[in-house]
């Protein structure tokens, strides 16, 4: 089994994602969420349309564990968009490439 440092990619038919956080988007420390809330967000994230895990077949539990490990290593972060009332999990490296500074208190 490959390590948990993969990044799910958009499927070829999906429109390109704009990974730049929009104004007003809030970074949410995943550790402040209840276990149930975090689990629901992880499940919604890994089951979204357009997510491609390549040639590997992962269980739902494995997919959630991979993303949680990325959050714990601060490689990914949880963002909340108050306008659309949605949560997003984004890779920190991609966000920084777009000029995002992140939480200065981390």
Foldseek 3Di string as FASTA:
>chain_A
DDDLPDDWAFAPVDDDDDQADDPPKDWDLLVPDDPVVLLVLLLCACPDHRTDPPPDDDDSVRSSVSLVVCSVVVQWTWIARPVVRHIDIGGVVVNVVVPDPPDPVD
